[in-house]
Amino acid sequence: MTRIRYVEPCGRARDVEVDQGLSVMEGAILNMVPGIEAECGGACVCATCHVYVDEAYGSTLCPPNATEHEMLDTVASERRPTSRLSCQIKVVAALDGLTVYLPERQT
């Protein structure tokens, strides 16, 4: 299990243990973390699982592929250099302690 911290726009943080191999989005959905809508179920076609990744983990993640990069142009909240779609972040041991910040809105 890998610990992921989800921080809501109000600042409330929630630590969740997520099985390796799942996505950060799946970890949120399985643990009923508010703020991740995931309308497409993780198919990278809706951008409703947008998060801001803590800068400390930016180099640990694989960079966004072309599809994710394109979908990030459609996010409802501000796109930042740390923006990612949580459906595209696979949980691995190296991400233990990862913090993601949820945007104000997904749609």
PDB file of N, CA and C in Angstrom:
ATOM      1  N   MET A   1       0.845  -1.184   0.000  1.00  0.00           N
ATOM      2  CA  MET A   1       0.000   0.000   0.000  1.00  0.00           C
ATOM      3  C   MET A   1       0.891   1.249   0.000  1.00  0.00           C
ATOM      4  N   THR A   2       0.394   2.257  -0.676  1.00  0.00           N
ATOM      5  CA  THR A   2       1.105   3.523  -0.790  1.00  0.00           C
ATOM      6  C   THR A   2       0.200   4.622  -0.253  1.00  0.00           C
ATOM      7  N   ARG A   3       0.749   5.489   0.574  1.00  0.00           N
ATOM      8  CA  ARG A   3      -0.043   6.561   1.164  1.00  0.00           C
ATOM      9  C   ARG A   3      -0.071   7.760   0.218  1.00  0.00           C
ATOM     10  N   ILE A   4      -1.285   8.192  -0.112  1.00  0.00           N
ATOM     11  CA  ILE A   4      -1.507   9.372  -0.936  1.00  0.00           C
ATOM     12  C   ILE A   4      -2.297  10.371  -0.091  1.00  0.00           C
ATOM     13  N   ARG A   5      -1.875  11.627  -0.120  1.00  0.00           N
ATOM     14  CA  ARG A   5      -2.601  12.687   0.589  1.00  0.00           C
ATOM     15  C   ARG A   5      -3.355  13.518  -0.434  1.00  0.00           C
ATOM     16  N   TYR A   6      -4.657  13.637  -0.224  1.00  0.00           N
ATOM     17  CA  TYR A   6      -5.530  14.454  -1.061  1.00  0.00           C
ATOM     18  C   TYR A   6      -5.901  15.698  -0.253  1.00  0.00           C
ATOM     19  N   VAL A   7      -5.643  16.875  -0.790  1.00  0.00           N
ATOM     20  CA  VAL A   7      -5.930  18.122  -0.083  1.00  0.00           C
ATOM     21  C   VAL A   7      -7.044  18.859  -0.821  1.00  0.00           C
ATOM     22  N   GLU A   8      -8.135  19.086  -0.116  1.00  0.00           N
ATOM     23  CA  GLU A   8      -9.281  19.788  -0.684  1.00  0.00           C
ATOM     24  C   GLU A   8      -8.981  21.278  -0.796  1.00  0.00           C
ATOM     25  N   PRO A   9      -9.718  22.001  -1.626  1.00  0.00           N
ATOM     26  CA  PRO A   9      -9.490  23.443  -1.781  1.00  0.00           C
ATOM     27  C   PRO A   9      -9.559  24.216  -0.456  1.00  0.00           C
ATOM     28  N   CYS A  10     -10.348  23.730   0.500  1.00  0.00           N
ATOM     29  CA  CYS A  10     -10.476  24.390   1.803  1.00  0.00           C
ATOM     30  C   CYS A  10      -9.269  24.133   2.703  1.00  0.00           C
ATOM     31  N   GLY A  11      -8.377  23.235   2.265  1.00  0.00           N
ATOM     32  CA  GLY A  11      -7.186  22.920   3.052  1.00  0.00           C
ATOM     33  C   GLY A  11      -7.273  21.630   3.836  1.00  0.00           C
ATOM     34  N   ARG A  12      -8.451  21.028   3.895  1.00  0.00           N
ATOM     35  CA  ARG A  12      -8.602  19.758   4.614  1.00  0.00           C
ATOM     36  C   ARG A  12      -7.857  18.664   3.873  1.00  0.00           C
ATOM     37  N   ALA A  13      -7.015  17.949   4.583  1.00  0.00           N
ATOM     38  CA  ALA A  13      -6.219  16.876   3.979  1.00  0.00           C
ATOM     39  C   ALA A  13      -6.744  15.516   4.433  1.00  0.00           C
ATOM     40  N   ARG A  14      -6.633  14.575   3.520  1.00  0.00           N
ATOM     41  CA  ARG A  14      -7.054  13.205   3.824  1.00  0.00           C
ATOM     42  C   ARG A  14      -5.998  12.253   3.296  1.00  0.00           C
ATOM     43  N   ASP A  15      -5.438  11.441   4.198  1.00  0.00           N
ATOM     44  CA  ASP A  15      -4.451  10.437   3.818  1.00  0.00           C
ATOM     45  C   ASP A  15      -5.157   9.123   3.553  1.00  0.00           C
ATOM     46  N   VAL A  16      -4.825   8.506   2.426  1.00  0.00           N
ATOM     47  CA  VAL A  16      -5.478   7.276   2.000  1.00  0.00           C
ATOM     48  C   VAL A  16      -4.407   6.270   1.600  1.00  0.00           C
ATOM     49  N   GLU A  17      -4.593   5.025   1.985  1.00  0.00           N
ATOM     50  CA  GLU A  17      -3.707   3.941   1.548  1.00  0.00           C
ATOM     51  C   GLU A  17      -4.273   3.391   0.239  1.00  0.00           C
ATOM     52  N   VAL A  18      -3.449   3.401  -0.805  1.00  0.00           N
ATOM     53  CA  VAL A  18      -3.889   2.981  -2.141  1.00  0.00           C
ATOM     54  C   VAL A  18      -3.018   1.821  -2.598  1.00  0.00           C
ATOM     55  N   ASP A  19      -3.643   0.795  -3.139  1.00  0.00           N
ATOM     56  CA  ASP A  19      -2.901  -0.354  -3.665  1.00  0.00           C
ATOM     57  C   ASP A  19      -2.045   0.075  -4.841  1.00  0.00           C
ATOM     58  N   GLN A  20      -0.828  -0.436  -4.880  1.00  0.00           N
ATOM     59  CA  GLN A  20       0.038  -0.171  -6.020  1.00  0.00           C
ATOM     60  C   GLN A  20      -0.592  -0.767  -7.272  1.00  0.00           C
ATOM     61  N   GLY A  21      -0.447  -0.054  -8.377  1.00  0.00           N
ATOM     62  CA  GLY A  21      -1.042  -0.481  -9.638  1.00  0.00           C
ATOM     63  C   GLY A  21      -2.343   0.239  -9.952  1.00  0.00           C
ATOM     64  N   LEU A  22      -3.008   0.743  -8.913  1.00  0.00           N
ATOM     65  CA  LEU A  22      -4.203   1.550  -9.150  1.00  0.00           C
ATOM     66  C   LEU A  22      -3.756   2.955  -9.530  1.00  0.00           C
ATOM     67  N   SER A  23      -4.686   3.766  -9.974  1.00  0.00           N
ATOM     68  CA  SER A  23      -4.363   5.165 -10.259  1.00  0.00           C
ATOM     69  C   SER A  23      -4.691   6.004  -9.029  1.00  0.00           C
ATOM     70  N   VAL A  24      -4.149   7.201  -8.994  1.00  0.00           N
ATOM     71  CA  VAL A  24      -4.474   8.144  -7.922  1.00  0.00           C
ATOM     72  C   VAL A  24      -5.969   8.438  -7.942  1.00  0.00           C
ATOM     73  N   MET A  25      -6.574   8.488  -9.129  1.00  0.00           N
ATOM     74  CA  MET A  25      -8.010   8.693  -9.254  1.00  0.00           C
ATOM     75  C   MET A  25      -8.778   7.532  -8.628  1.00  0.00           C
ATOM     76  N   GLU A  26      -8.379   6.304  -8.932  1.00  0.00           N
ATOM     77  CA  GLU A  26      -9.067   5.138  -8.370  1.00  0.00           C
ATOM     78  C   GLU A  26      -8.966   5.128  -6.851  1.00  0.00           C
ATOM     79  N   GLY A  27      -7.815   5.528  -6.326  1.00  0.00           N
ATOM     80  CA  GLY A  27      -7.661   5.617  -4.876  1.00  0.00           C
ATOM     81  C   GLY A  27      -8.651   6.593  -4.272  1.00  0.00           C
ATOM     82  N   ALA A  28      -8.863   7.710  -4.941  1.00  0.00           N
ATOM     83  CA  ALA A  28      -9.822   8.703  -4.455  1.00  0.00           C
ATOM     84  C   ALA A  28     -11.248   8.160  -4.515  1.00  0.00           C
ATOM     85  N   ILE A  29     -11.606   7.555  -5.625  1.00  0.00           N
ATOM     86  CA  ILE A  29     -12.972   7.042  -5.795  1.00  0.00           C
ATOM     87  C   ILE A  29     -13.264   5.928  -4.787  1.00  0.00           C
ATOM     88  N   LEU A  30     -12.340   4.983  -4.645  1.00  0.00           N
ATOM     89  CA  LEU A  30     -12.544   3.859  -3.721  1.00  0.00           C
ATOM     90  C   LEU A  30     -12.650   4.309  -2.269  1.00  0.00           C
ATOM     91  N   ASN A  31     -12.054   5.444  -1.960  1.00  0.00           N
ATOM     92  CA  ASN A  31     -12.066   5.952  -0.588  1.00  0.00           C
ATOM     93  C   ASN A  31     -12.968   7.165  -0.415  1.00  0.00           C
ATOM     94  N   MET A  32     -13.818   7.405  -1.401  1.00  0.00           N
ATOM     95  CA  MET A  32     -14.823   8.463  -1.363  1.00  0.00           C
ATOM     96  C   MET A  32     -14.230   9.831  -1.029  1.00  0.00           C
ATOM     97  N   VAL A  33     -13.106  10.145  -1.657  1.00  0.00           N
ATOM     98  CA  VAL A  33     -12.495  11.463  -1.502  1.00  0.00           C
ATOM     99  C   VAL A  33     -13.299  12.445  -2.354  1.00  0.00           C
ATOM    100  N   PRO A  34     -13.858  13.486  -1.750  1.00  0.00           N
ATOM    101  CA  PRO A  34     -14.629  14.449  -2.544  1.00  0.00           C
ATOM    102  C   PRO A  34     -13.715  15.278  -3.435  1.00  0.00           C
ATOM    103  N   GLY A  35     -14.245  15.677  -4.585  1.00  0.00           N
ATOM    104  CA  GLY A  35     -13.510  16.561  -5.473  1.00  0.00           C
ATOM    105  C   GLY A  35     -12.936  15.911  -6.711  1.00  0.00           C
ATOM    106  N   ILE A  36     -12.981  14.592  -6.780  1.00  0.00           N
ATOM    107  CA  ILE A  36     -12.570  13.859  -7.981  1.00  0.00           C
ATOM    108  C   ILE A  36     -13.845  13.264  -8.570  1.00  0.00           C
ATOM    109  N   GLU A  37     -14.280  13.779  -9.708  1.00  0.00           N
ATOM    110  CA  GLU A  37     -15.526  13.305 -10.309  1.00  0.00           C
ATOM    111  C   GLU A  37     -15.313  12.096 -11.203  1.00  0.00           C
ATOM    112  N   ALA A  38     -14.268  12.106 -12.013  1.00  0.00           N
ATOM    113  CA  ALA A  38     -13.908  10.965 -12.856  1.00  0.00           C
ATOM    114  C   ALA A  38     -15.078  10.466 -13.697  1.00  0.00           C
ATOM    115  N   GLU A  39     -15.703  11.381 -14.420  1.00  0.00           N
ATOM    116  CA  GLU A  39     -16.876  11.033 -15.220  1.00  0.00           C
ATOM    117  C   GLU A  39     -16.613   9.938 -16.245  1.00  0.00           C
ATOM    118  N   CYS A  40     -15.398   9.858 -16.789  1.00  0.00           N
ATOM    119  CA  CYS A  40     -15.105   8.852 -17.815  1.00  0.00           C
ATOM    120  C   CYS A  40     -14.551   7.559 -17.225  1.00  0.00           C
ATOM    121  N   GLY A  41     -14.406   7.514 -15.911  1.00  0.00           N
ATOM    122  CA  GLY A  41     -13.930   6.297 -15.269  1.00  0.00           C
ATOM    123  C   GLY A  41     -12.447   6.019 -15.455  1.00  0.00           C
ATOM    124  N   GLY A  42     -11.705   6.984 -15.896  1.00  0.00           N
ATOM    125  CA  GLY A  42     -10.257   6.807 -16.037  1.00  0.00           C
ATOM    126  C   GLY A  42      -9.774   6.612 -17.456  1.00  0.00           C
ATOM    127  N   ALA A  43     -10.608   6.921 -18.428  1.00  0.00           N
ATOM    128  CA  ALA A  43     -10.248   6.720 -19.831  1.00  0.00           C
ATOM    129  C   ALA A  43      -9.498   7.917 -20.436  1.00  0.00           C
ATOM    130  N   CYS A  44      -9.237   8.935 -19.638  1.00  0.00           N
ATOM    131  CA  CYS A  44      -8.505  10.127 -20.078  1.00  0.00           C
ATOM    132  C   CYS A  44      -9.251  10.885 -21.176  1.00  0.00           C
ATOM    133  N   VAL A  45     -10.575  11.014 -21.001  1.00  0.00           N
ATOM    134  CA  VAL A  45     -11.363  11.742 -21.997  1.00  0.00           C
ATOM    135  C   VAL A  45     -12.294  12.794 -21.388  1.00  0.00           C
ATOM    136  N   CYS A  46     -12.174  13.076 -20.076  1.00  0.00           N
ATOM    137  CA  CYS A  46     -13.106  14.047 -19.501  1.00  0.00           C
ATOM    138  C   CYS A  46     -12.441  15.153 -18.687  1.00  0.00           C
ATOM    139  N   ALA A  47     -11.266  14.945 -18.169  1.00  0.00           N
ATOM    140  CA  ALA A  47     -10.522  15.929 -17.360  1.00  0.00           C
ATOM    141  C   ALA A  47     -11.213  16.293 -16.058  1.00  0.00           C
ATOM    142  N   THR A  48     -12.088  15.420 -15.534  1.00  0.00           N
ATOM    143  CA  THR A  48     -12.754  15.700 -14.262  1.00  0.00           C
ATOM    144  C   THR A  48     -12.065  15.016 -13.081  1.00  0.00           C
ATOM    145  N   CYS A  49     -10.810  14.645 -13.282  1.00  0.00           N
ATOM    146  CA  CYS A  49      -9.993  14.111 -12.190  1.00  0.00           C
ATOM    147  C   CYS A  49      -8.706  14.928 -12.056  1.00  0.00           C
ATOM    148  N   HIS A  50      -8.788  16.162 -12.479  1.00  0.00           N
ATOM    149  CA  HIS A  50      -7.657  17.098 -12.465  1.00  0.00           C
ATOM    150  C   HIS A  50      -7.159  17.306 -11.037  1.00  0.00           C
ATOM    151  N   VAL A  51      -5.843  17.281 -10.861  1.00  0.00           N
ATOM    152  CA  VAL A  51      -5.208  17.581  -9.586  1.00  0.00           C
ATOM    153  C   VAL A  51      -3.951  18.403  -9.836  1.00  0.00           C
ATOM    154  N   TYR A  52      -3.473  19.021  -8.764  1.00  0.00           N
ATOM    155  CA  TYR A  52      -2.175  19.687  -8.777  1.00  0.00           C
ATOM    156  C   TYR A  52      -1.236  18.822  -7.944  1.00  0.00           C
ATOM    157  N   VAL A  53      -0.160  18.368  -8.542  1.00  0.00           N
ATOM    158  CA  VAL A  53       0.781  17.479  -7.864  1.00  0.00           C
ATOM    159  C   VAL A  53       1.808  18.305  -7.099  1.00  0.00           C
ATOM    160  N   ASP A  54       2.085  17.894  -5.879  1.00  0.00           N
ATOM    161  CA  ASP A  54       3.122  18.551  -5.090  1.00  0.00           C
ATOM    162  C   ASP A  54       4.421  18.568  -5.891  1.00  0.00           C
ATOM    163  N   GLU A  55       5.044  19.725  -5.968  1.00  0.00           N
ATOM    164  CA  GLU A  55       6.252  19.895  -6.777  1.00  0.00           C
ATOM    165  C   GLU A  55       7.363  18.926  -6.400  1.00  0.00           C
ATOM    166  N   ALA A  56       7.404  18.479  -5.159  1.00  0.00           N
ATOM    167  CA  ALA A  56       8.444  17.554  -4.713  1.00  0.00           C
ATOM    168  C   ALA A  56       8.388  16.220  -5.451  1.00  0.00           C
ATOM    169  N   TYR A  57       7.235  15.896  -6.032  1.00  0.00           N
ATOM    170  CA  TYR A  57       7.067  14.621  -6.723  1.00  0.00           C
ATOM    171  C   TYR A  57       7.059  14.761  -8.240  1.00  0.00           C
ATOM    172  N   GLY A  58       7.183  15.972  -8.736  1.00  0.00           N
ATOM    173  CA  GLY A  58       7.118  16.196 -10.174  1.00  0.00           C
ATOM    174  C   GLY A  58       8.087  15.350 -10.976  1.00  0.00           C
ATOM    175  N   SER A  59       9.314  15.227 -10.506  1.00  0.00           N
ATOM    176  CA  SER A  59      10.318  14.457 -11.251  1.00  0.00           C
ATOM    177  C   SER A  59      10.153  12.952 -11.052  1.00  0.00           C
ATOM    178  N   THR A  60       9.362  12.534 -10.076  1.00  0.00           N
ATOM    179  CA  THR A  60       9.128  11.111  -9.824  1.00  0.00           C
ATOM    180  C   THR A  60       8.112  10.538 -10.805  1.00  0.00           C
ATOM    181  N   LEU A  61       7.242  11.402 -11.315  1.00  0.00           N
ATOM    182  CA  LEU A  61       6.183  10.962 -12.223  1.00  0.00           C
ATOM    183  C   LEU A  61       6.665  10.932 -13.665  1.00  0.00           C
ATOM    184  N   CYS A  62       6.117  10.015 -14.426  1.00  0.00           N
ATOM    185  CA  CYS A  62       6.336  10.041 -15.873  1.00  0.00           C
ATOM    186  C   CYS A  62       5.637  11.293 -16.398  1.00  0.00           C
ATOM    187  N   PRO A  63       6.196  11.941 -17.400  1.00  0.00           N
ATOM    188  CA  PRO A  63       5.537  13.136 -17.934  1.00  0.00           C
ATOM    189  C   PRO A  63       4.211  12.766 -18.614  1.00  0.00           C
ATOM    190  N   PRO A  64       3.298  13.723 -18.726  1.00  0.00           N
ATOM    191  CA  PRO A  64       2.023  13.441 -19.390  1.00  0.00           C
ATOM    192  C   PRO A  64       2.244  13.026 -20.846  1.00  0.00           C
ATOM    193  N   ASN A  65       1.475  12.034 -21.283  1.00  0.00           N
ATOM    194  CA  ASN A  65       1.539  11.664 -22.704  1.00  0.00           C
ATOM    195  C   ASN A  65       0.735  12.683 -23.502  1.00  0.00           C
ATOM    196  N   ALA A  66       0.722  12.547 -24.812  1.00  0.00           N
ATOM    197  CA  ALA A  66       0.070  13.529 -25.693  1.00  0.00           C
ATOM    198  C   ALA A  66      -1.421  13.663 -25.387  1.00  0.00           C
ATOM    199  N   THR A  67      -2.093  12.560 -25.099  1.00  0.00           N
ATOM    200  CA  THR A  67      -3.529  12.605 -24.817  1.00  0.00           C
ATOM    201  C   THR A  67      -3.809  13.365 -23.533  1.00  0.00           C
ATOM    202  N   GLU A  68      -3.055  13.050 -22.473  1.00  0.00           N
ATOM    203  CA  GLU A  68      -3.249  13.761 -21.208  1.00  0.00           C
ATOM    204  C   GLU A  68      -2.922  15.243 -21.378  1.00  0.00           C
ATOM    205  N   HIS A  69      -1.843  15.535 -22.057  1.00  0.00           N
ATOM    206  CA  HIS A  69      -1.448  16.922 -22.293  1.00  0.00           C
ATOM    207  C   HIS A  69      -2.579  17.693 -22.983  1.00  0.00           C
ATOM    208  N   GLU A  70      -3.188  17.067 -23.965  1.00  0.00           N
ATOM    209  CA  GLU A  70      -4.302  17.690 -24.693  1.00  0.00           C
ATOM    210  C   GLU A  70      -5.514  17.880 -23.778  1.00  0.00           C
ATOM    211  N   MET A  71      -5.824  16.871 -22.966  1.00  0.00           N
ATOM    212  CA  MET A  71      -6.980  16.958 -22.061  1.00  0.00           C
ATOM    213  C   MET A  71      -6.765  18.019 -20.985  1.00  0.00           C
ATOM    214  N   LEU A  72      -5.536  18.236 -20.579  1.00  0.00           N
ATOM    215  CA  LEU A  72      -5.262  19.263 -19.572  1.00  0.00           C
ATOM    216  C   LEU A  72      -5.617  20.658 -20.071  1.00  0.00           C
ATOM    217  N   ASP A  73      -5.693  20.819 -21.386  1.00  0.00           N
ATOM    218  CA  ASP A  73      -6.119  22.103 -21.947  1.00  0.00           C
ATOM    219  C   ASP A  73      -7.609  22.354 -21.723  1.00  0.00           C
ATOM    220  N   THR A  74      -8.360  21.325 -21.306  1.00  0.00           N
ATOM    221  CA  THR A  74      -9.807  21.459 -21.150  1.00  0.00           C
ATOM    222  C   THR A  74     -10.261  21.482 -19.692  1.00  0.00           C
ATOM    223  N   VAL A  75      -9.336  21.524 -18.741  1.00  0.00           N
ATOM    224  CA  VAL A  75      -9.732  21.471 -17.335  1.00  0.00           C
ATOM    225  C   VAL A  75     -10.552  22.708 -16.960  1.00  0.00           C
ATOM    226  N   ALA A  76     -11.462  22.532 -16.000  1.00  0.00           N
ATOM    227  CA  ALA A  76     -12.357  23.619 -15.595  1.00  0.00           C
ATOM    228  C   ALA A  76     -11.655  24.656 -14.727  1.00  0.00           C
ATOM    229  N   SER A  77     -10.727  24.221 -13.898  1.00  0.00           N
ATOM    230  CA  SER A  77      -9.970  25.143 -13.053  1.00  0.00           C
ATOM    231  C   SER A  77      -8.666  25.497 -13.750  1.00  0.00           C
ATOM    232  N   GLU A  78      -7.978  26.461 -13.199  1.00  0.00           N
ATOM    233  CA  GLU A  78      -6.719  26.915 -13.787  1.00  0.00           C
ATOM    234  C   GLU A  78      -5.737  25.766 -14.019  1.00  0.00           C
ATOM    235  N   ARG A  79      -5.176  25.729 -15.219  1.00  0.00           N
ATOM    236  CA  ARG A  79      -4.110  24.773 -15.503  1.00  0.00           C
ATOM    237  C   ARG A  79      -2.796  25.384 -15.020  1.00  0.00           C
ATOM    238  N   ARG A  80      -2.055  24.595 -14.259  1.00  0.00           N
ATOM    239  CA  ARG A  80      -0.771  25.035 -13.711  1.00  0.00           C
ATOM    240  C   ARG A  80       0.324  24.092 -14.186  1.00  0.00           C
ATOM    241  N   PRO A  81       1.584  24.462 -13.996  1.00  0.00           N
ATOM    242  CA  PRO A  81       2.672  23.550 -14.377  1.00  0.00           C
ATOM    243  C   PRO A  81       2.600  22.198 -13.664  1.00  0.00           C
ATOM    244  N   THR A  82       1.965  22.164 -12.503  1.00  0.00           N
ATOM    245  CA  THR A  82       1.857  20.910 -11.741  1.00  0.00           C
ATOM    246  C   THR A  82       0.548  20.174 -12.001  1.00  0.00           C
ATOM    247  N   SER A  83      -0.253  20.636 -12.960  1.00  0.00           N
ATOM    248  CA  SER A  83      -1.527  19.980 -13.273  1.00  0.00           C
ATOM    249  C   SER A  83      -1.312  18.612 -13.886  1.00  0.00           C
ATOM    250  N   ARG A  84      -2.108  17.663 -13.416  1.00  0.00           N
ATOM    251  CA  ARG A  84      -2.124  16.308 -13.975  1.00  0.00           C
ATOM    252  C   ARG A  84      -3.544  15.772 -13.890  1.00  0.00           C
ATOM    253  N   LEU A  85      -3.827  14.766 -14.691  1.00  0.00           N
ATOM    254  CA  LEU A  85      -5.076  14.022 -14.550  1.00  0.00           C
ATOM    255  C   LEU A  85      -4.752  12.834 -13.656  1.00  0.00           C
ATOM    256  N   SER A  86      -5.468  12.725 -12.558  1.00  0.00           N
ATOM    257  CA  SER A  86      -5.131  11.685 -11.580  1.00  0.00           C
ATOM    258  C   SER A  86      -5.368  10.274 -12.113  1.00  0.00           C
ATOM    259  N   CYS A  87      -6.156  10.135 -13.164  1.00  0.00           N
ATOM    260  CA  CYS A  87      -6.363   8.811 -13.765  1.00  0.00           C
ATOM    261  C   CYS A  87      -5.103   8.320 -14.471  1.00  0.00           C
ATOM    262  N   GLN A  88      -4.194   9.218 -14.751  1.00  0.00           N
ATOM    263  CA  GLN A  88      -2.981   8.869 -15.489  1.00  0.00           C
ATOM    264  C   GLN A  88      -1.766   8.692 -14.582  1.00  0.00           C
ATOM    265  N   ILE A  89      -1.949   8.823 -13.287  1.00  0.00           N
ATOM    266  CA  ILE A  89      -0.847   8.633 -12.337  1.00  0.00           C
ATOM    267  C   ILE A  89      -1.012   7.276 -11.679  1.00  0.00           C
ATOM    268  N   LYS A  90      -0.175   6.332 -12.072  1.00  0.00           N
ATOM    269  CA  LYS A  90      -0.211   4.993 -11.483  1.00  0.00           C
ATOM    270  C   LYS A  90       0.527   5.008 -10.157  1.00  0.00           C
ATOM    271  N   VAL A  91      -0.062   4.392  -9.162  1.00  0.00           N
ATOM    272  CA  VAL A  91       0.522   4.351  -7.834  1.00  0.00           C
ATOM    273  C   VAL A  91       1.614   3.290  -7.795  1.00  0.00           C
ATOM    274  N   VAL A  92       2.801   3.726  -7.408  1.00  0.00           N
ATOM    275  CA  VAL A  92       3.966   2.852  -7.229  1.00  0.00           C
ATOM    276  C   VAL A  92       4.588   3.198  -5.880  1.00  0.00           C
ATOM    277  N   ALA A  93       5.466   2.333  -5.392  1.00  0.00           N
ATOM    278  CA  ALA A  93       6.078   2.531  -4.074  1.00  0.00           C
ATOM    279  C   ALA A  93       6.777   3.879  -3.963  1.00  0.00           C
ATOM    280  N   ALA A  94       7.402   4.344  -5.040  1.00  0.00           N
ATOM    281  CA  ALA A  94       8.137   5.612  -5.016  1.00  0.00           C
ATOM    282  C   ALA A  94       7.227   6.814  -4.767  1.00  0.00           C
ATOM    283  N   LEU A  95       5.920   6.633  -4.898  1.00  0.00           N
ATOM    284  CA  LEU A  95       4.979   7.739  -4.675  1.00  0.00           C
ATOM    285  C   LEU A  95       4.443   7.776  -3.249  1.00  0.00           C
ATOM    286  N   ASP A  96       4.972   6.926  -2.367  1.00  0.00           N
ATOM    287  CA  ASP A  96       4.501   6.927  -0.986  1.00  0.00           C
ATOM    288  C   ASP A  96       4.659   8.326  -0.398  1.00  0.00           C
ATOM    289  N   GLY A  97       3.571   8.887   0.103  1.00  0.00           N
ATOM    290  CA  GLY A  97       3.578  10.231   0.658  1.00  0.00           C
ATOM    291  C   GLY A  97       3.197  11.314  -0.338  1.00  0.00           C
ATOM    292  N   LEU A  98       2.900  10.930  -1.572  1.00  0.00           N
ATOM    293  CA  LEU A  98       2.507  11.904  -2.596  1.00  0.00           C
ATOM    294  C   LEU A  98       1.343  12.748  -2.097  1.00  0.00           C
ATOM    295  N   THR A  99       1.442  14.047  -2.334  1.00  0.00           N
ATOM    296  CA  THR A  99       0.349  14.962  -2.021  1.00  0.00           C
ATOM    297  C   THR A  99      -0.185  15.531  -3.325  1.00  0.00           C
ATOM    298  N   VAL A 100      -1.504  15.457  -3.477  1.00  0.00           N
ATOM    299  CA  VAL A 100      -2.164  16.089  -4.613  1.00  0.00           C
ATOM    300  C   VAL A 100      -3.196  17.073  -4.068  1.00  0.00           C
ATOM    301  N   TYR A 101      -3.296  18.210  -4.734  1.00  0.00           N
ATOM    302  CA  TYR A 101      -4.232  19.257  -4.340  1.00  0.00           C
ATOM    303  C   TYR A 101      -5.380  19.281  -5.337  1.00  0.00           C
ATOM    304  N   LEU A 102      -6.591  19.271  -4.810  1.00  0.00           N
ATOM    305  CA  LEU A 102      -7.791  19.268  -5.652  1.00  0.00           C
ATOM    306  C   LEU A 102      -8.145  20.699  -6.038  1.00  0.00           C
ATOM    307  N   PRO A 103      -8.518  20.920  -7.290  1.00  0.00           N
ATOM    308  CA  PRO A 103      -8.900  22.271  -7.712  1.00  0.00           C
ATOM    309  C   PRO A 103     -10.264  22.664  -7.177  1.00  0.00           C
ATOM    310  N   GLU A 104     -10.584  23.919  -7.324  1.00  0.00           N
ATOM    311  CA  GLU A 104     -11.871  24.443  -6.865  1.00  0.00           C
ATOM    312  C   GLU A 104     -13.050  23.714  -7.503  1.00  0.00           C
ATOM    313  N   ARG A 105     -12.919  23.387  -8.788  1.00  0.00           N
ATOM    314  CA  ARG A 105     -14.036  22.711  -9.477  1.00  0.00           C
ATOM    315  C   ARG A 105     -13.481  21.827 -10.592  1.00  0.00           C
ATOM    316  N   GLN A 106     -14.277  20.841 -10.957  1.00  0.00           N
ATOM    317  CA  GLN A 106     -13.896  19.915 -12.031  1.00  0.00           C
ATOM    318  C   GLN A 106     -14.720  20.150 -13.297  1.00  0.00           C
ATOM    319  N   THR A 107     -15.890  20.736 -13.163  1.00  0.00           N
ATOM    320  CA  THR A 107     -16.733  20.995 -14.328  1.00  0.00           C
ATOM    321  C   THR A 107     -17.196  22.427 -14.334  1.00  0.00           C
TER     322      THR A 107
END
